[in-house]
Amino acid sequence: PVTMNLERHTVTALGREIRLTAKEFLLLQYLMEHRGRVLSRDRLLSDVWDYQYPGETRTVDVHVRRLREKVPYLEQALVTVQQFGYKLMEV
């Protein structure tokens, strides 16, 4: 239901193009490349944002929320793993 064109930096869902910010695009790409695996917030911060932070940050959560709002398919497919991170389900 969701396709990404990495060369054109576009995302299409149900036949319509979705506009994403650069970080939203990179986050979705990372989640799709690691589909079916539980990814911690810390890992997402380090691998997508290239950012190490020893405390707590809501950056990942905010970007995931925005992705779910923009790409309706992700409302069901992008699962929150309580107190750990996220998992993009295999469909």
Protein backbone atom coordinates (compact mmCIF):
# COMPACT_ATOMS: atom_id res chain seq x y z
CA PRO A 1 0.00 0.00 0.00
CA VAL A 2 2.97 2.36 0.47
CA THR A 3 5.72 2.76 -2.10
CA MET A 4 8.87 4.83 -1.88
CA ASN A 5 10.94 6.11 -4.75
CA LEU A 6 14.34 6.76 -3.24
CA GLU A 7 15.73 8.50 -6.33
CA ARG A 8 12.83 10.94 -6.59
CA HIS A 9 12.35 11.16 -2.84
CA THR A 10 8.61 10.49 -3.12
CA VAL A 11 6.10 8.39 -1.20
CA THR A 12 2.85 7.10 -2.68
CA ALA A 13 -0.04 5.56 -0.75
CA LEU A 14 -3.23 4.31 -2.37
CA GLY A 15 -2.25 5.97 -5.62
CA ARG A 16 -1.65 9.44 -4.24
CA GLU A 17 1.61 11.16 -3.48
CA ILE A 18 2.27 12.03 0.15
CA ARG A 19 4.43 15.00 1.07
CA LEU A 20 6.92 14.22 3.82
CA THR A 21 9.69 16.22 5.42
CA ALA A 22 13.23 14.97 4.91
CA LYS A 23 13.33 13.35 8.38
CA GLU A 24 9.89 11.79 7.97
CA PHE A 25 11.06 10.30 4.68
CA LEU A 26 14.27 8.93 6.24
CA LEU A 27 12.35 7.52 9.21
CA LEU A 28 9.83 5.77 6.94
CA GLN A 29 12.64 4.42 4.77
CA TYR A 30 14.43 3.04 7.84
CA LEU A 31 11.26 1.46 9.18
CA MET A 32 10.52 -0.15 5.81
CA GLU A 33 14.08 -1.47 5.52
CA HIS A 34 13.70 -3.05 8.97
CA ARG A 35 10.09 -4.18 8.61
CA GLY A 36 9.00 -6.75 11.20
CA ARG A 37 11.72 -5.81 13.69
CA VAL A 38 11.21 -3.94 16.93
CA LEU A 39 13.32 -0.78 16.84
CA SER A 40 14.12 1.13 19.99
CA ARG A 41 13.76 4.89 20.14
CA ASP A 42 17.49 5.11 20.91
CA ARG A 43 18.36 3.12 17.80
CA LEU A 44 16.07 5.24 15.65
CA LEU A 45 17.64 8.41 17.06
CA SER A 46 21.15 7.18 16.40
CA ASP A 47 20.54 5.63 12.96
CA VAL A 48 18.05 8.11 11.45
CA TRP A 49 19.03 11.32 13.22
CA ASP A 50 22.69 10.40 13.82
CA TYR A 51 22.05 11.66 17.33
CA GLN A 52 23.15 10.28 20.70
CA TYR A 53 21.20 11.51 23.70
CA PRO A 54 21.49 9.90 27.14
CA GLY A 55 18.20 11.33 28.42
CA GLU A 56 14.68 11.10 27.15
CA THR A 57 13.45 12.82 24.01
CA ARG A 58 10.09 12.84 22.24
CA THR A 59 11.56 13.50 18.79
CA VAL A 60 10.93 9.99 17.50
CA ASP A 61 7.40 9.90 18.93
CA VAL A 62 6.48 13.21 17.30
CA HIS A 63 7.77 12.08 13.89
CA VAL A 64 5.95 8.75 14.17
CA ARG A 65 2.73 10.58 15.01
CA ARG A 66 3.16 12.80 11.95
CA LEU A 67 3.82 9.79 9.72
CA ARG A 68 0.66 8.12 10.98
CA GLU A 69 -1.33 11.28 10.26
CA LYS A 70 0.04 11.65 6.73
CA VAL A 71 0.02 7.96 5.72
CA PRO A 72 -3.24 6.34 6.90
CA TYR A 73 -1.91 2.82 6.28
CA LEU A 74 0.61 3.38 9.08
CA GLU A 75 -2.11 3.94 11.68
CA GLN A 76 -2.50 0.16 11.87
CA ALA A 77 0.84 -1.07 10.49
CA LEU A 78 3.19 1.00 12.66
CA VAL A 79 2.86 -0.49 16.12
CA THR A 80 4.06 1.09 19.35
CA VAL A 81 6.02 -1.28 21.58
CA GLN A 82 5.36 0.12 25.05
CA GLN A 83 8.33 1.77 26.75
CA PHE A 84 10.70 0.67 23.98
CA GLY A 85 10.02 1.80 20.43
CA TYR A 86 8.21 0.89 17.24
CA LYS A 87 7.66 -1.94 14.81
CA LEU A 88 6.42 -1.73 11.22
CA MET A 89 4.33 -4.84 10.73
CA GLU A 90 4.86 -7.18 7.79
CA VAL A 91 1.82 -7.12 5.54
